[in-house]
Amino acid sequence: MEGSWALRVALGHVRCAVVAFVGAEDPSGESLFLAADCLEVEGLFADLGVEPEPVDPSVDGVASLDAASEALAAARPVVPLAVWAGLQAVRARAAR
């Protein structure tokens, strides 16, 4: 996958994760913290000038983060370390 396209697709998946986490029925409120973490990752993409690619929003937040990670892994040599690390940190927290 070409680098800039991978970044666009990954950002689209991160945006879907935000929507999924905000809309989740979670009495503990953890989903809202995950949404906030995703917004921080979105900020990293914004700093790079990346525009999101529309993706299928029908999956849950964790699956969206997994899809974003897969997109970035396909173009790993050109993915900035901050973006990669930020996304992986959110994925690890979401998997708990």
PDB file of N, CA and C in Angstrom:
ATOM      1  N   MET A   1       0.857  -1.178   0.000  1.00  0.00           N
ATOM      2  CA  MET A   1       0.000   0.000   0.000  1.00  0.00           C
ATOM      3  C   MET A   1       0.900   1.237   0.000  1.00  0.00           C
ATOM      4  N   GLU A   2       0.592   2.167  -0.858  1.00  0.00           N
ATOM      5  CA  GLU A   2       1.369   3.403  -0.946  1.00  0.00           C
ATOM      6  C   GLU A   2       1.219   4.203   0.357  1.00  0.00           C
ATOM      7  N   GLY A   3       2.306   4.864   0.793  1.00  0.00           N
ATOM      8  CA  GLY A   3       2.365   5.495   2.092  1.00  0.00           C
ATOM      9  C   GLY A   3       1.278   6.497   2.405  1.00  0.00           C
ATOM     10  N   SER A   4       1.052   7.472   1.526  1.00  0.00           N
ATOM     11  CA  SER A   4       0.052   8.495   1.825  1.00  0.00           C
ATOM     12  C   SER A   4      -1.359   7.899   1.825  1.00  0.00           C
ATOM     13  N   TRP A   5      -1.599   6.935   0.954  1.00  0.00           N
ATOM     14  CA  TRP A   5      -2.904   6.263   0.932  1.00  0.00           C
ATOM     15  C   TRP A   5      -3.121   5.496   2.234  1.00  0.00           C
ATOM     16  N   ALA A   6      -2.091   4.809   2.712  1.00  0.00           N
ATOM     17  CA  ALA A   6      -2.189   4.058   3.957  1.00  0.00           C
ATOM     18  C   ALA A   6      -2.506   4.990   5.122  1.00  0.00           C
ATOM     19  N   LEU A   7      -1.882   6.144   5.155  1.00  0.00           N
ATOM     20  CA  LEU A   7      -2.164   7.117   6.215  1.00  0.00           C
ATOM     21  C   LEU A   7      -3.616   7.587   6.148  1.00  0.00           C
ATOM     22  N   ARG A   8      -4.106   7.835   4.939  1.00  0.00           N
ATOM     23  CA  ARG A   8      -5.495   8.287   4.762  1.00  0.00           C
ATOM     24  C   ARG A   8      -6.489   7.224   5.228  1.00  0.00           C
ATOM     25  N   VAL A   9      -6.227   5.983   4.849  1.00  0.00           N
ATOM     26  CA  VAL A   9      -7.112   4.875   5.245  1.00  0.00           C
ATOM     27  C   VAL A   9      -7.058   4.676   6.762  1.00  0.00           C
ATOM     28  N   ALA A  10      -5.867   4.717   7.318  1.00  0.00           N
ATOM     29  CA  ALA A  10      -5.730   4.543   8.764  1.00  0.00           C
ATOM     30  C   ALA A  10      -6.490   5.633   9.514  1.00  0.00           C
ATOM     31  N   LEU A  11      -6.382   6.866   9.054  1.00  0.00           N
ATOM     32  CA  LEU A  11      -7.106   7.956   9.704  1.00  0.00           C
ATOM     33  C   LEU A  11      -8.613   7.747   9.596  1.00  0.00           C
ATOM     34  N   GLY A  12      -9.079   7.260   8.467  1.00  0.00           N
ATOM     35  CA  GLY A  12     -10.504   6.957   8.325  1.00  0.00           C
ATOM     36  C   GLY A  12     -10.961   5.937   9.359  1.00  0.00           C
ATOM     37  N   HIS A  13     -10.129   4.923   9.602  1.00  0.00           N
ATOM     38  CA  HIS A  13     -10.471   3.907  10.599  1.00  0.00           C
ATOM     39  C   HIS A  13     -10.421   4.475  12.018  1.00  0.00           C
ATOM     40  N   VAL A  14      -9.464   5.349  12.287  1.00  0.00           N
ATOM     41  CA  VAL A  14      -9.393   5.962  13.619  1.00  0.00           C
ATOM     42  C   VAL A  14     -10.643   6.806  13.864  1.00  0.00           C
ATOM     43  N   ARG A  15     -11.088   7.531  12.847  1.00  0.00           N
ATOM     44  CA  ARG A  15     -12.321   8.323  12.993  1.00  0.00           C
ATOM     45  C   ARG A  15     -13.523   7.431  13.267  1.00  0.00           C
ATOM     46  N   CYS A  16     -13.587   6.295  12.614  1.00  0.00           N
ATOM     47  CA  CYS A  16     -14.681   5.354  12.875  1.00  0.00           C
ATOM     48  C   CYS A  16     -14.604   4.832  14.310  1.00  0.00           C
ATOM     49  N   ALA A  17     -13.388   4.624  14.809  1.00  0.00           N
ATOM     50  CA  ALA A  17     -13.219   4.167  16.185  1.00  0.00           C
ATOM     51  C   ALA A  17     -13.744   5.215  17.162  1.00  0.00           C
ATOM     52  N   VAL A  18     -13.484   6.485  16.890  1.00  0.00           N
ATOM     53  CA  VAL A  18     -13.989   7.549  17.759  1.00  0.00           C
ATOM     54  C   VAL A  18     -15.509   7.482  17.841  1.00  0.00           C
ATOM     55  N   VAL A  19     -16.149   7.390  16.699  1.00  0.00           N
ATOM     56  CA  VAL A  19     -17.614   7.334  16.665  1.00  0.00           C
ATOM     57  C   VAL A  19     -18.119   6.113  17.431  1.00  0.00           C
ATOM     58  N   ALA A  20     -17.461   4.974  17.234  1.00  0.00           N
ATOM     59  CA  ALA A  20     -17.882   3.743  17.910  1.00  0.00           C
ATOM     60  C   ALA A  20     -17.709   3.852  19.422  1.00  0.00           C
ATOM     61  N   PHE A  21     -16.600   4.408  19.868  1.00  0.00           N
ATOM     62  CA  PHE A  21     -16.367   4.518  21.306  1.00  0.00           C
ATOM     63  C   PHE A  21     -17.299   5.532  21.960  1.00  0.00           C
ATOM     64  N   VAL A  22     -17.578   6.629  21.276  1.00  0.00           N
ATOM     65  CA  VAL A  22     -18.504   7.625  21.833  1.00  0.00           C
ATOM     66  C   VAL A  22     -19.908   7.041  21.946  1.00  0.00           C
ATOM     67  N   GLY A  23     -20.303   6.246  20.969  1.00  0.00           N
ATOM     68  CA  GLY A  23     -21.642   5.675  20.957  1.00  0.00           C
ATOM     69  C   GLY A  23     -21.798   4.397  21.763  1.00  0.00           C
ATOM     70  N   ALA A  24     -20.710   3.895  22.323  1.00  0.00           N
ATOM     71  CA  ALA A  24     -20.777   2.631  23.061  1.00  0.00           C
ATOM     72  C   ALA A  24     -21.516   2.801  24.384  1.00  0.00           C
ATOM     73  N   GLU A  25     -22.284   1.799  24.719  1.00  0.00           N
ATOM     74  CA  GLU A  25     -22.953   1.791  26.022  1.00  0.00           C
ATOM     75  C   GLU A  25     -21.971   1.209  27.028  1.00  0.00           C
ATOM     76  N   ASP A  26     -21.337   2.095  27.773  1.00  0.00           N
ATOM     77  CA  ASP A  26     -20.282   1.699  28.698  1.00  0.00           C
ATOM     78  C   ASP A  26     -20.463   2.471  29.998  1.00  0.00           C
ATOM     79  N   PRO A  27     -21.061   1.836  31.007  1.00  0.00           N
ATOM     80  CA  PRO A  27     -21.312   2.552  32.257  1.00  0.00           C
ATOM     81  C   PRO A  27     -20.037   2.988  32.978  1.00  0.00           C
ATOM     82  N   SER A  28     -18.909   2.354  32.676  1.00  0.00           N
ATOM     83  CA  SER A  28     -17.657   2.736  33.341  1.00  0.00           C
ATOM     84  C   SER A  28     -17.080   4.027  32.773  1.00  0.00           C
ATOM     85  N   GLY A  29     -17.477   4.398  31.563  1.00  0.00           N
ATOM     86  CA  GLY A  29     -16.939   5.597  30.925  1.00  0.00           C
ATOM     87  C   GLY A  29     -15.610   5.384  30.219  1.00  0.00           C
ATOM     88  N   GLU A  30     -15.080   4.167  30.266  1.00  0.00           N
ATOM     89  CA  GLU A  30     -13.787   3.884  29.629  1.00  0.00           C
ATOM     90  C   GLU A  30     -13.822   4.162  28.129  1.00  0.00           C
ATOM     91  N   SER A  31     -14.952   3.911  27.501  1.00  0.00           N
ATOM     92  CA  SER A  31     -15.063   4.155  26.059  1.00  0.00           C
ATOM     93  C   SER A  31     -14.838   5.624  25.714  1.00  0.00           C
ATOM     94  N   LEU A  32     -15.280   6.507  26.578  1.00  0.00           N
ATOM     95  CA  LEU A  32     -15.070   7.937  26.320  1.00  0.00           C
ATOM     96  C   LEU A  32     -13.592   8.299  26.415  1.00  0.00           C
ATOM     97  N   PHE A  33     -12.873   7.663  27.337  1.00  0.00           N
ATOM     98  CA  PHE A  33     -11.427   7.901  27.418  1.00  0.00           C
ATOM     99  C   PHE A  33     -10.725   7.356  26.175  1.00  0.00           C
ATOM    100  N   LEU A  34     -11.195   6.210  25.683  1.00  0.00           N
ATOM    101  CA  LEU A  34     -10.622   5.661  24.446  1.00  0.00           C
ATOM    102  C   LEU A  34     -10.899   6.594  23.268  1.00  0.00           C
ATOM    103  N   ALA A  35     -12.097   7.161  23.214  1.00  0.00           N
ATOM    104  CA  ALA A  35     -12.418   8.117  22.155  1.00  0.00           C
ATOM    105  C   ALA A  35     -11.480   9.317  22.230  1.00  0.00           C
ATOM    106  N   ALA A  36     -11.219   9.802  23.436  1.00  0.00           N
ATOM    107  CA  ALA A  36     -10.308  10.936  23.607  1.00  0.00           C
ATOM    108  C   ALA A  36      -8.901  10.570  23.151  1.00  0.00           C
ATOM    109  N   ASP A  37      -8.458   9.357  23.478  1.00  0.00           N
ATOM    110  CA  ASP A  37      -7.138   8.911  23.021  1.00  0.00           C
ATOM    111  C   ASP A  37      -7.079   8.848  21.498  1.00  0.00           C
ATOM    112  N   CYS A  38      -8.161   8.381  20.890  1.00  0.00           N
ATOM    113  CA  CYS A  38      -8.222   8.329  19.421  1.00  0.00           C
ATOM    114  C   CYS A  38      -8.148   9.736  18.829  1.00  0.00           C
ATOM    115  N   LEU A  39      -8.784  10.694  19.485  1.00  0.00           N
ATOM    116  CA  LEU A  39      -8.720  12.072  18.994  1.00  0.00           C
ATOM    117  C   LEU A  39      -7.295  12.612  19.056  1.00  0.00           C
ATOM    118  N   GLU A  40      -6.539  12.196  20.052  1.00  0.00           N
ATOM    119  CA  GLU A  40      -5.131  12.599  20.120  1.00  0.00           C
ATOM    120  C   GLU A  40      -4.352  12.014  18.945  1.00  0.00           C
ATOM    121  N   VAL A  41      -4.655  10.767  18.606  1.00  0.00           N
ATOM    122  CA  VAL A  41      -4.000  10.148  17.442  1.00  0.00           C
ATOM    123  C   VAL A  41      -4.421  10.889  16.169  1.00  0.00           C
ATOM    124  N   GLU A  42      -5.688  11.265  16.081  1.00  0.00           N
ATOM    125  CA  GLU A  42      -6.143  12.059  14.926  1.00  0.00           C
ATOM    126  C   GLU A  42      -5.336  13.338  14.800  1.00  0.00           C
ATOM    127  N   GLY A  43      -5.012  13.943  15.936  1.00  0.00           N
ATOM    128  CA  GLY A  43      -4.205  15.154  15.925  1.00  0.00           C
ATOM    129  C   GLY A  43      -2.832  14.927  15.314  1.00  0.00           C
ATOM    130  N   LEU A  44      -2.258  13.757  15.542  1.00  0.00           N
ATOM    131  CA  LEU A  44      -0.959  13.432  14.937  1.00  0.00           C
ATOM    132  C   LEU A  44      -1.076  13.374  13.414  1.00  0.00           C
ATOM    133  N   PHE A  45      -2.175  12.790  12.946  1.00  0.00           N
ATOM    134  CA  PHE A  45      -2.415  12.758  11.500  1.00  0.00           C
ATOM    135  C   PHE A  45      -2.611  14.177  10.968  1.00  0.00           C
ATOM    136  N   ALA A  46      -3.352  14.995  11.709  1.00  0.00           N
ATOM    137  CA  ALA A  46      -3.615  16.375  11.278  1.00  0.00           C
ATOM    138  C   ALA A  46      -2.314  17.162  11.166  1.00  0.00           C
ATOM    139  N   ASP A  47      -1.392  16.924  12.096  1.00  0.00           N
ATOM    140  CA  ASP A  47      -0.094  17.610  12.039  1.00  0.00           C
ATOM    141  C   ASP A  47       0.660  17.290  10.752  1.00  0.00           C
ATOM    142  N   LEU A  48       0.366  16.129  10.183  1.00  0.00           N
ATOM    143  CA  LEU A  48       1.005  15.713   8.926  1.00  0.00           C
ATOM    144  C   LEU A  48       0.219  16.177   7.698  1.00  0.00           C
ATOM    145  N   GLY A  49      -0.938  16.768   7.926  1.00  0.00           N
ATOM    146  CA  GLY A  49      -1.769  17.217   6.808  1.00  0.00           C
ATOM    147  C   GLY A  49      -2.530  16.103   6.123  1.00  0.00           C
ATOM    148  N   VAL A  50      -2.759  15.010   6.827  1.00  0.00           N
ATOM    149  CA  VAL A  50      -3.456  13.849   6.255  1.00  0.00           C
ATOM    150  C   VAL A  50      -4.961  14.083   6.284  1.00  0.00           C
ATOM    151  N   GLU A  51      -5.607  13.834   5.171  1.00  0.00           N
ATOM    152  CA  GLU A  51      -7.068  13.882   5.063  1.00  0.00           C
ATOM    153  C   GLU A  51      -7.588  12.451   5.107  1.00  0.00           C
ATOM    154  N   PRO A  52      -8.673  12.183   5.839  1.00  0.00           N
ATOM    155  CA  PRO A  52      -9.149  10.804   5.971  1.00  0.00           C
ATOM    156  C   PRO A  52      -9.790  10.265   4.699  1.00  0.00           C
ATOM    157  N   GLU A  53      -9.629   8.998   4.518  1.00  0.00           N
ATOM    158  CA  GLU A  53     -10.301   8.267   3.444  1.00  0.00           C
ATOM    159  C   GLU A  53     -11.560   7.648   4.057  1.00  0.00           C
ATOM    160  N   PRO A  54     -12.716   7.798   3.423  1.00  0.00           N
ATOM    161  CA  PRO A  54     -13.924   7.159   3.974  1.00  0.00           C
ATOM    162  C   PRO A  54     -13.764   5.638   4.000  1.00  0.00           C
ATOM    163  N   VAL A  55     -14.134   5.049   5.123  1.00  0.00           N
ATOM    164  CA  VAL A  55     -14.060   3.596   5.282  1.00  0.00           C
ATOM    165  C   VAL A  55     -15.389   3.097   5.844  1.00  0.00           C
ATOM    166  N   ASP A  56     -15.563   1.799   5.867  1.00  0.00           N
ATOM    167  CA  ASP A  56     -16.802   1.179   6.357  1.00  0.00           C
ATOM    168  C   ASP A  56     -16.917   1.385   7.868  1.00  0.00           C
ATOM    169  N   PRO A  57     -17.932   2.119   8.304  1.00  0.00           N
ATOM    170  CA  PRO A  57     -18.074   2.384   9.741  1.00  0.00           C
ATOM    171  C   PRO A  57     -18.837   1.308  10.505  1.00  0.00           C
ATOM    172  N   SER A  58     -19.077   0.167   9.905  1.00  0.00           N
ATOM    173  CA  SER A  58     -19.958  -0.826  10.519  1.00  0.00           C
ATOM    174  C   SER A  58     -19.274  -1.716  11.556  1.00  0.00           C
ATOM    175  N   VAL A  59     -18.004  -1.508  11.810  1.00  0.00           N
ATOM    176  CA  VAL A  59     -17.307  -2.341  12.795  1.00  0.00           C
ATOM    177  C   VAL A  59     -17.180  -1.596  14.120  1.00  0.00           C
ATOM    178  N   ASP A  60     -16.840  -2.320  15.175  1.00  0.00           N
ATOM    179  CA  ASP A  60     -16.706  -1.678  16.480  1.00  0.00           C
ATOM    180  C   ASP A  60     -15.369  -0.932  16.590  1.00  0.00           C
ATOM    181  N   GLY A  61     -15.175  -0.260  17.709  1.00  0.00           N
ATOM    182  CA  GLY A  61     -13.990   0.571  17.889  1.00  0.00           C
ATOM    183  C   GLY A  61     -12.691  -0.205  17.837  1.00  0.00           C
ATOM    184  N   VAL A  62     -12.658  -1.349  18.505  1.00  0.00           N
ATOM    185  CA  VAL A  62     -11.432  -2.154  18.522  1.00  0.00           C
ATOM    186  C   VAL A  62     -11.097  -2.654  17.118  1.00  0.00           C
ATOM    187  N   ALA A  63     -12.094  -3.116  16.392  1.00  0.00           N
ATOM    188  CA  ALA A  63     -11.866  -3.590  15.024  1.00  0.00           C
ATOM    189  C   ALA A  63     -11.402  -2.443  14.118  1.00  0.00           C
ATOM    190  N   SER A  64     -11.927  -1.250  14.344  1.00  0.00           N
ATOM    191  CA  SER A  64     -11.487  -0.090  13.564  1.00  0.00           C
ATOM    192  C   SER A  64     -10.019   0.222  13.843  1.00  0.00           C
ATOM    193  N   LEU A  65      -9.628   0.149  15.109  1.00  0.00           N
ATOM    194  CA  LEU A  65      -8.220   0.382  15.443  1.00  0.00           C
ATOM    195  C   LEU A  65      -7.322  -0.699  14.852  1.00  0.00           C
ATOM    196  N   ASP A  66      -7.799  -1.939  14.855  1.00  0.00           N
ATOM    197  CA  ASP A  66      -7.032  -3.026  14.241  1.00  0.00           C
ATOM    198  C   ASP A  66      -6.860  -2.784  12.741  1.00  0.00           C
ATOM    199  N   ALA A  67      -7.925  -2.335  12.090  1.00  0.00           N
ATOM    200  CA  ALA A  67      -7.851  -2.056  10.651  1.00  0.00           C
ATOM    201  C   ALA A  67      -6.891  -0.896  10.377  1.00  0.00           C
ATOM    202  N   ALA A  68      -6.899   0.110  11.240  1.00  0.00           N
ATOM    203  CA  ALA A  68      -5.965   1.233  11.087  1.00  0.00           C
ATOM    204  C   ALA A  68      -4.532   0.746  11.220  1.00  0.00           C
ATOM    205  N   SER A  69      -4.303  -0.134  12.172  1.00  0.00           N
ATOM    206  CA  SER A  69      -2.961  -0.682  12.366  1.00  0.00           C
ATOM    207  C   SER A  69      -2.513  -1.491  11.155  1.00  0.00           C
ATOM    208  N   GLU A  70      -3.420  -2.273  10.603  1.00  0.00           N
ATOM    209  CA  GLU A  70      -3.083  -3.067   9.409  1.00  0.00           C
ATOM    210  C   GLU A  70      -2.724  -2.155   8.238  1.00  0.00           C
ATOM    211  N   ALA A  71      -3.473  -1.066   8.085  1.00  0.00           N
ATOM    212  CA  ALA A  71      -3.179  -0.125   6.993  1.00  0.00           C
ATOM    213  C   ALA A  71      -1.796   0.486   7.174  1.00  0.00           C
ATOM    214  N   LEU A  72      -1.474   0.876   8.406  1.00  0.00           N
ATOM    215  CA  LEU A  72      -0.162   1.473   8.650  1.00  0.00           C
ATOM    216  C   LEU A  72       0.958   0.444   8.505  1.00  0.00           C
ATOM    217  N   ALA A  73       0.706  -0.785   8.921  1.00  0.00           N
ATOM    218  CA  ALA A  73       1.727  -1.829   8.809  1.00  0.00           C
ATOM    219  C   ALA A  73       2.099  -2.090   7.356  1.00  0.00           C
ATOM    220  N   ALA A  74       1.138  -1.912   6.457  1.00  0.00           N
ATOM    221  CA  ALA A  74       1.398  -2.136   5.030  1.00  0.00           C
ATOM    222  C   ALA A  74       2.359  -1.109   4.460  1.00  0.00           C
ATOM    223  N   ALA A  75       2.475   0.042   5.129  1.00  0.00           N
ATOM    224  CA  ALA A  75       3.361   1.106   4.649  1.00  0.00           C
ATOM    225  C   ALA A  75       4.334   1.520   5.749  1.00  0.00           C
ATOM    226  N   ARG A  76       4.683   0.598   6.609  1.00  0.00           N
ATOM    227  CA  ARG A  76       5.457   0.889   7.816  1.00  0.00           C
ATOM    228  C   ARG A  76       6.701   1.753   7.597  1.00  0.00           C
ATOM    229  N   PRO A  77       7.483   1.557   6.547  1.00  0.00           N
ATOM    230  CA  PRO A  77       8.699   2.370   6.413  1.00  0.00           C
ATOM    231  C   PRO A  77       8.448   3.880   6.314  1.00  0.00           C
ATOM    232  N   VAL A  78       7.271   4.289   5.880  1.00  0.00           N
ATOM    233  CA  VAL A  78       7.002   5.723   5.721  1.00  0.00           C
ATOM    234  C   VAL A  78       6.078   6.284   6.804  1.00  0.00           C
ATOM    235  N   VAL A  79       5.674   5.437   7.743  1.00  0.00           N
ATOM    236  CA  VAL A  79       4.770   5.886   8.804  1.00  0.00           C
ATOM    237  C   VAL A  79       5.598   6.526   9.919  1.00  0.00           C
ATOM    238  N   PRO A  80       5.289   7.775  10.286  1.00  0.00           N
ATOM    239  CA  PRO A  80       6.027   8.410  11.369  1.00  0.00           C
ATOM    240  C   PRO A  80       5.890   7.627  12.677  1.00  0.00           C
ATOM    241  N   LEU A  81       6.965   7.562  13.424  1.00  0.00           N
ATOM    242  CA  LEU A  81       6.987   6.787  14.658  1.00  0.00           C
ATOM    243  C   LEU A  81       5.915   7.249  15.640  1.00  0.00           C
ATOM    244  N   ALA A  82       5.684   8.542  15.739  1.00  0.00           N
ATOM    245  CA  ALA A  82       4.681   9.052  16.683  1.00  0.00           C
ATOM    246  C   ALA A  82       3.286   8.522  16.346  1.00  0.00           C
ATOM    247  N   VAL A  83       2.971   8.445  15.065  1.00  0.00           N
ATOM    248  CA  VAL A  83       1.664   7.932  14.637  1.00  0.00           C
ATOM    249  C   VAL A  83       1.552   6.452  14.981  1.00  0.00           C
ATOM    250  N   TRP A  84       2.589   5.700  14.637  1.00  0.00           N
ATOM    251  CA  TRP A  84       2.590   4.262  14.913  1.00  0.00           C
ATOM    252  C   TRP A  84       2.471   4.002  16.412  1.00  0.00           C
ATOM    253  N   ALA A  85       3.298   4.662  17.197  1.00  0.00           N
ATOM    254  CA  ALA A  85       3.301   4.440  18.647  1.00  0.00           C
ATOM    255  C   ALA A  85       1.976   4.872  19.279  1.00  0.00           C
ATOM    256  N   GLY A  86       1.449   6.001  18.845  1.00  0.00           N
ATOM    257  CA  GLY A  86       0.181   6.477  19.383  1.00  0.00           C
ATOM    258  C   GLY A  86      -0.955   5.514  19.118  1.00  0.00           C
ATOM    259  N   LEU A  87      -1.010   5.015  17.903  1.00  0.00           N
ATOM    260  CA  LEU A  87      -2.081   4.068  17.546  1.00  0.00           C
ATOM    261  C   LEU A  87      -1.923   2.766  18.332  1.00  0.00           C
ATOM    262  N   GLN A  88      -0.713   2.276  18.440  1.00  0.00           N
ATOM    263  CA  GLN A  88      -0.504   1.007  19.157  1.00  0.00           C
ATOM    264  C   GLN A  88      -0.842   1.151  20.644  1.00  0.00           C
ATOM    265  N   ALA A  89      -0.577   2.311  21.223  1.00  0.00           N
ATOM    266  CA  ALA A  89      -0.912   2.546  22.623  1.00  0.00           C
ATOM    267  C   ALA A  89      -2.421   2.511  22.838  1.00  0.00           C
ATOM    268  N   VAL A  90      -3.162   3.137  21.928  1.00  0.00           N
ATOM    269  CA  VAL A  90      -4.623   3.122  22.043  1.00  0.00           C
ATOM    270  C   VAL A  90      -5.149   1.710  21.834  1.00  0.00           C
ATOM    271  N   ARG A  91      -4.596   0.991  20.884  1.00  0.00           N
ATOM    272  CA  ARG A  91      -5.036  -0.396  20.649  1.00  0.00           C
ATOM    273  C   ARG A  91      -4.810  -1.256  21.890  1.00  0.00           C
ATOM    274  N   ALA A  92      -3.666  -1.086  22.537  1.00  0.00           N
ATOM    275  CA  ALA A  92      -3.364  -1.877  23.728  1.00  0.00           C
ATOM    276  C   ALA A  92      -4.355  -1.562  24.839  1.00  0.00           C
ATOM    277  N   ARG A  93      -4.670  -0.295  24.999  1.00  0.00           N
ATOM    278  CA  ARG A  93      -5.627   0.095  26.043  1.00  0.00           C
ATOM    279  C   ARG A  93      -7.029  -0.433  25.710  1.00  0.00           C
ATOM    280  N   ALA A  94      -7.404  -0.389  24.445  1.00  0.00           N
ATOM    281  CA  ALA A  94      -8.740  -0.845  24.029  1.00  0.00           C
ATOM    282  C   ALA A  94      -8.874  -2.354  24.177  1.00  0.00           C
ATOM    283  N   ALA A  95      -7.791  -3.070  24.074  1.00  0.00           N
ATOM    284  CA  ALA A  95      -7.850  -4.530  24.146  1.00  0.00           C
ATOM    285  C   ALA A  95      -8.045  -5.042  25.574  1.00  0.00           C
ATOM    286  N   ARG A  96      -7.863  -4.170  26.546  1.00  0.00           N
ATOM    287  CA  ARG A  96      -8.029  -4.597  27.951  1.00  0.00           C
ATOM    288  C   ARG A  96      -9.466  -4.781  28.318  1.00  0.00           C
TER     289      ARG A  96
END
